[in-house]
Amino acid sequence: MTTDLEALGLAIKRAQYRNHRTMDAALREIGVSLVQWDALRAIDRMPGASGHELAVATFQSDQAFGTLASRLVDRGLITRSAGRGRRLEHTLTEAGKEALAEGRRLSISVLQDLFAPLDEAQRAELLRSLRELTGNA
């Protein structure tokens, strides 16, 4: 039997939508959106990264990330400073680190609930398959 690839693609999209919607709702409790929290995670993972590098890491255009970064600066969650050439480097503030940590605490229970229908072996296989699919093995 051949797998219906259209159905597979749709199932991945539905799972992603469910994840995003649920995480966004939970993160609202601490005053950040999923997009903002994702930016904070990327800045934490990539200290001193440029706006372009962070845009790529968060699946945004350079312009969209620049707008988001400006909002994060206004909220006191990140700072931007001059790097080499015209490069702006991004760093978390203490408030940004706190928001990131609070988001991580929230995400643990949300993700446990989202993946509850799968046992540990299924979760491991799903992760392995998705990493292979995205070239991130």
C-alpha atoms as a PDB file:
ATOM      1  CA  MET A   1       0.000   0.000   0.000  1.00  0.00           C
ATOM      2  CA  THR A   2       1.318   3.438  -0.950  1.00  0.00           C
ATOM      3  CA  THR A   3       1.262   6.229   1.591  1.00  0.00           C
ATOM      4  CA  ASP A   4      -0.922   9.164   0.614  1.00  0.00           C
ATOM      5  CA  LEU A   5       1.739  11.885   0.591  1.00  0.00           C
ATOM      6  CA  GLU A   6      -0.827  14.660   0.454  1.00  0.00           C
ATOM      7  CA  ALA A   7      -2.449  13.285   3.612  1.00  0.00           C
ATOM      8  CA  LEU A   8       0.991  12.992   5.225  1.00  0.00           C
ATOM      9  CA  GLY A   9       1.813  16.606   4.436  1.00  0.00           C
ATOM     10  CA  LEU A  10      -1.553  17.731   5.784  1.00  0.00           C
ATOM     11  CA  ALA A  11      -1.068  15.696   8.980  1.00  0.00           C
ATOM     12  CA  ILE A  12       2.312  17.371   9.566  1.00  0.00           C
ATOM     13  CA  LYS A  13       0.734  20.783   8.999  1.00  0.00           C
ATOM     14  CA  ARG A  14      -2.124  19.991  11.405  1.00  0.00           C
ATOM     15  CA  ALA A  15       0.318  18.814  14.083  1.00  0.00           C
ATOM     16  CA  GLN A  16       2.379  21.979  13.641  1.00  0.00           C
ATOM     17  CA  TYR A  17      -0.726  24.182  13.803  1.00  0.00           C
ATOM     18  CA  ARG A  18      -1.892  22.414  16.981  1.00  0.00           C
ATOM     19  CA  ASN A  19       1.551  22.871  18.527  1.00  0.00           C
ATOM     20  CA  HIS A  20       1.711  26.567  17.603  1.00  0.00           C
ATOM     21  CA  ARG A  21      -1.827  27.366  18.717  1.00  0.00           C
ATOM     22  CA  THR A  22      -1.431  25.581  22.055  1.00  0.00           C
ATOM     23  CA  MET A  23       2.010  27.043  22.794  1.00  0.00           C
ATOM     24  CA  ASP A  24       0.913  30.562  21.825  1.00  0.00           C
ATOM     25  CA  ALA A  25      -2.059  30.371  24.206  1.00  0.00           C
ATOM     26  CA  ALA A  26       0.127  29.131  27.072  1.00  0.00           C
ATOM     27  CA  LEU A  27       2.815  31.758  26.490  1.00  0.00           C
ATOM     28  CA  ARG A  28       0.240  34.552  26.587  1.00  0.00           C
ATOM     29  CA  GLU A  29       0.064  33.866  30.341  1.00  0.00           C
ATOM     30  CA  ILE A  30       3.582  35.310  30.677  1.00  0.00           C
ATOM     31  CA  GLY A  31       3.017  38.133  28.203  1.00  0.00           C
ATOM     32  CA  VAL A  32       4.888  36.852  25.151  1.00  0.00           C
ATOM     33  CA  SER A  33       3.756  35.293  21.899  1.00  0.00           C
ATOM     34  CA  LEU A  34       5.192  32.123  20.415  1.00  0.00           C
ATOM     35  CA  VAL A  35       6.974  34.214  17.760  1.00  0.00           C
ATOM     36  CA  GLN A  36       8.573  36.382  20.458  1.00  0.00           C
ATOM     37  CA  TRP A  37       9.565  33.373  22.560  1.00  0.00           C
ATOM     38  CA  ASP A  38      11.021  31.669  19.502  1.00  0.00           C
ATOM     39  CA  ALA A  39      13.141  34.780  18.878  1.00  0.00           C
ATOM     40  CA  LEU A  40      14.316  34.747  22.496  1.00  0.00           C
ATOM     41  CA  ARG A  41      15.279  31.067  22.145  1.00  0.00           C
ATOM     42  CA  ALA A  42      17.212  31.786  18.948  1.00  0.00           C
ATOM     43  CA  ILE A  43      19.069  34.725  20.511  1.00  0.00           C
ATOM     44  CA  ASP A  44      19.926  32.535  23.503  1.00  0.00           C
ATOM     45  CA  ARG A  45      21.198  29.727  21.225  1.00  0.00           C
ATOM     46  CA  MET A  46      23.160  32.111  18.993  1.00  0.00           C
ATOM     47  CA  PRO A  47      24.751  34.842  21.137  1.00  0.00           C
ATOM     48  CA  GLY A  48      25.829  37.834  19.072  1.00  0.00           C
ATOM     49  CA  ALA A  49      23.989  36.610  15.980  1.00  0.00           C
ATOM     50  CA  SER A  50      23.011  39.091  13.291  1.00  0.00           C
ATOM     51  CA  GLY A  51      19.421  39.906  12.434  1.00  0.00           C
ATOM     52  CA  HIS A  52      19.730  37.925   9.219  1.00  0.00           C
ATOM     53  CA  GLU A  53      21.028  34.831  11.026  1.00  0.00           C
ATOM     54  CA  LEU A  54      18.197  35.093  13.549  1.00  0.00           C
ATOM     55  CA  ALA A  55      15.618  35.610  10.797  1.00  0.00           C
ATOM     56  CA  VAL A  56      16.776  32.391   9.123  1.00  0.00           C
ATOM     57  CA  ALA A  57      16.749  30.524  12.448  1.00  0.00           C
ATOM     58  CA  THR A  58      13.182  31.653  13.196  1.00  0.00           C
ATOM     59  CA  PHE A  59      11.780  31.157   9.673  1.00  0.00           C
ATOM     60  CA  GLN A  60      11.166  34.874   9.086  1.00  0.00           C
ATOM     61  CA  SER A  61      12.209  37.443   6.552  1.00  0.00           C
ATOM     62  CA  ASP A  62      14.930  39.899   7.547  1.00  0.00           C
ATOM     63  CA  GLN A  63      12.362  42.695   7.607  1.00  0.00           C
ATOM     64  CA  ALA A  64       9.910  40.764   9.782  1.00  0.00           C
ATOM     65  CA  PHE A  65      12.641  39.824  12.232  1.00  0.00           C
ATOM     66  CA  GLY A  66      13.852  43.427  12.357  1.00  0.00           C
ATOM     67  CA  THR A  67      10.357  44.591  13.280  1.00  0.00           C
ATOM     68  CA  LEU A  68      10.065  41.856  15.902  1.00  0.00           C
ATOM     69  CA  ALA A  69      13.494  42.705  17.332  1.00  0.00           C
ATOM     70  CA  SER A  70      12.503  46.375  17.630  1.00  0.00           C
ATOM     71  CA  ARG A  71       9.450  45.357  19.636  1.00  0.00           C
ATOM     72  CA  LEU A  72      11.575  43.125  21.866  1.00  0.00           C
ATOM     73  CA  VAL A  73      13.976  46.022  22.443  1.00  0.00           C
ATOM     74  CA  ASP A  74      11.037  48.320  23.315  1.00  0.00           C
ATOM     75  CA  ARG A  75       9.815  45.733  25.833  1.00  0.00           C
ATOM     76  CA  GLY A  76      13.282  45.485  27.381  1.00  0.00           C
ATOM     77  CA  LEU A  77      13.717  41.809  26.488  1.00  0.00           C
ATOM     78  CA  ILE A  78      16.753  42.187  24.208  1.00  0.00           C
ATOM     79  CA  THR A  79      19.438  44.677  23.311  1.00  0.00           C
ATOM     80  CA  ARG A  80      21.002  45.310  19.930  1.00  0.00           C
ATOM     81  CA  SER A  81      24.536  46.589  19.625  1.00  0.00           C
ATOM     82  CA  ALA A  82      26.911  47.407  16.806  1.00  0.00           C
ATOM     83  CA  GLY A  83      28.935  44.491  15.559  1.00  0.00           C
ATOM     84  CA  ARG A  84      31.350  44.267  12.642  1.00  0.00           C
ATOM     85  CA  GLY A  85      30.418  46.567   9.776  1.00  0.00           C
ATOM     86  CA  ARG A  86      26.695  47.277   9.685  1.00  0.00           C
ATOM     87  CA  ARG A  87      25.883  44.136  11.643  1.00  0.00           C
ATOM     88  CA  LEU A  88      23.658  44.453  14.712  1.00  0.00           C
ATOM     89  CA  GLU A  89      24.233  41.822  17.376  1.00  0.00           C
ATOM     90  CA  HIS A  90      21.368  40.708  19.612  1.00  0.00           C
ATOM     91  CA  THR A  91      21.581  39.816  23.304  1.00  0.00           C
ATOM     92  CA  LEU A  92      19.002  38.874  25.914  1.00  0.00           C
ATOM     93  CA  THR A  93      18.471  41.249  28.827  1.00  0.00           C
ATOM     94  CA  GLU A  94      17.756  39.927  32.324  1.00  0.00           C
ATOM     95  CA  ALA A  95      14.037  40.383  31.594  1.00  0.00           C
ATOM     96  CA  GLY A  96      14.494  38.452  28.350  1.00  0.00           C
ATOM     97  CA  LYS A  97      16.269  35.631  30.190  1.00  0.00           C
ATOM     98  CA  GLU A  98      13.413  35.505  32.701  1.00  0.00           C
ATOM     99  CA  ALA A  99      10.779  35.384  29.940  1.00  0.00           C
ATOM    100  CA  LEU A 100      12.746  32.628  28.204  1.00  0.00           C
ATOM    101  CA  ALA A 101      12.992  30.593  31.418  1.00  0.00           C
ATOM    102  CA  GLU A 102       9.284  31.057  32.209  1.00  0.00           C
ATOM    103  CA  GLY A 103       8.418  30.028  28.651  1.00  0.00           C
ATOM    104  CA  ARG A 104      10.536  26.910  28.965  1.00  0.00           C
ATOM    105  CA  ARG A 105       8.757  25.947  32.192  1.00  0.00           C
ATOM    106  CA  LEU A 106       5.387  26.406  30.500  1.00  0.00           C
ATOM    107  CA  SER A 107       6.433  24.576  27.355  1.00  0.00           C
ATOM    108  CA  ILE A 108       7.368  21.421  29.239  1.00  0.00           C
ATOM    109  CA  SER A 109       3.811  20.724  30.370  1.00  0.00           C
ATOM    110  CA  VAL A 110       2.300  21.869  27.069  1.00  0.00           C
ATOM    111  CA  LEU A 111       4.576  19.594  25.042  1.00  0.00           C
ATOM    112  CA  GLN A 112       4.030  16.678  27.414  1.00  0.00           C
ATOM    113  CA  ASP A 113       0.272  17.039  26.815  1.00  0.00           C
ATOM    114  CA  LEU A 114       0.672  17.443  23.047  1.00  0.00           C
ATOM    115  CA  PHE A 115       2.802  14.320  22.742  1.00  0.00           C
ATOM    116  CA  ALA A 116       0.911  12.274  25.361  1.00  0.00           C
ATOM    117  CA  PRO A 117      -0.800  10.075  22.722  1.00  0.00           C
ATOM    118  CA  LEU A 118       2.638   8.732  21.716  1.00  0.00           C
ATOM    119  CA  ASP A 119       4.735   6.432  23.874  1.00  0.00           C
ATOM    120  CA  GLU A 120       8.468   7.064  24.234  1.00  0.00           C
ATOM    121  CA  ALA A 121       9.426   4.750  21.358  1.00  0.00           C
ATOM    122  CA  GLN A 122       6.964   6.508  19.025  1.00  0.00           C
ATOM    123  CA  ARG A 123       8.284   9.918  20.073  1.00  0.00           C
ATOM    124  CA  ALA A 124      11.854   8.838  19.413  1.00  0.00           C
ATOM    125  CA  GLU A 125      10.915   7.442  15.998  1.00  0.00           C
ATOM    126  CA  LEU A 126       8.986  10.594  15.084  1.00  0.00           C
ATOM    127  CA  LEU A 127      11.966  12.753  16.052  1.00  0.00           C
ATOM    128  CA  ARG A 128      14.345  10.528  14.087  1.00  0.00           C
ATOM    129  CA  SER A 129      12.074  10.586  11.024  1.00  0.00           C
ATOM    130  CA  LEU A 130      11.602  14.366  11.111  1.00  0.00           C
ATOM    131  CA  ARG A 131      15.327  14.948  11.536  1.00  0.00           C
ATOM    132  CA  GLU A 132      16.022  12.698   8.574  1.00  0.00           C
ATOM    133  CA  LEU A 133      13.344  14.441   6.513  1.00  0.00           C
ATOM    134  CA  THR A 134      14.768  17.895   7.276  1.00  0.00           C
ATOM    135  CA  GLY A 135      18.431  16.926   6.907  1.00  0.00           C
ATOM    136  CA  ASN A 136      18.981  17.511  10.596  1.00  0.00           C
ATOM    137  CA  ALA A 137      19.964  13.960  11.574  1.00  0.00           C
END
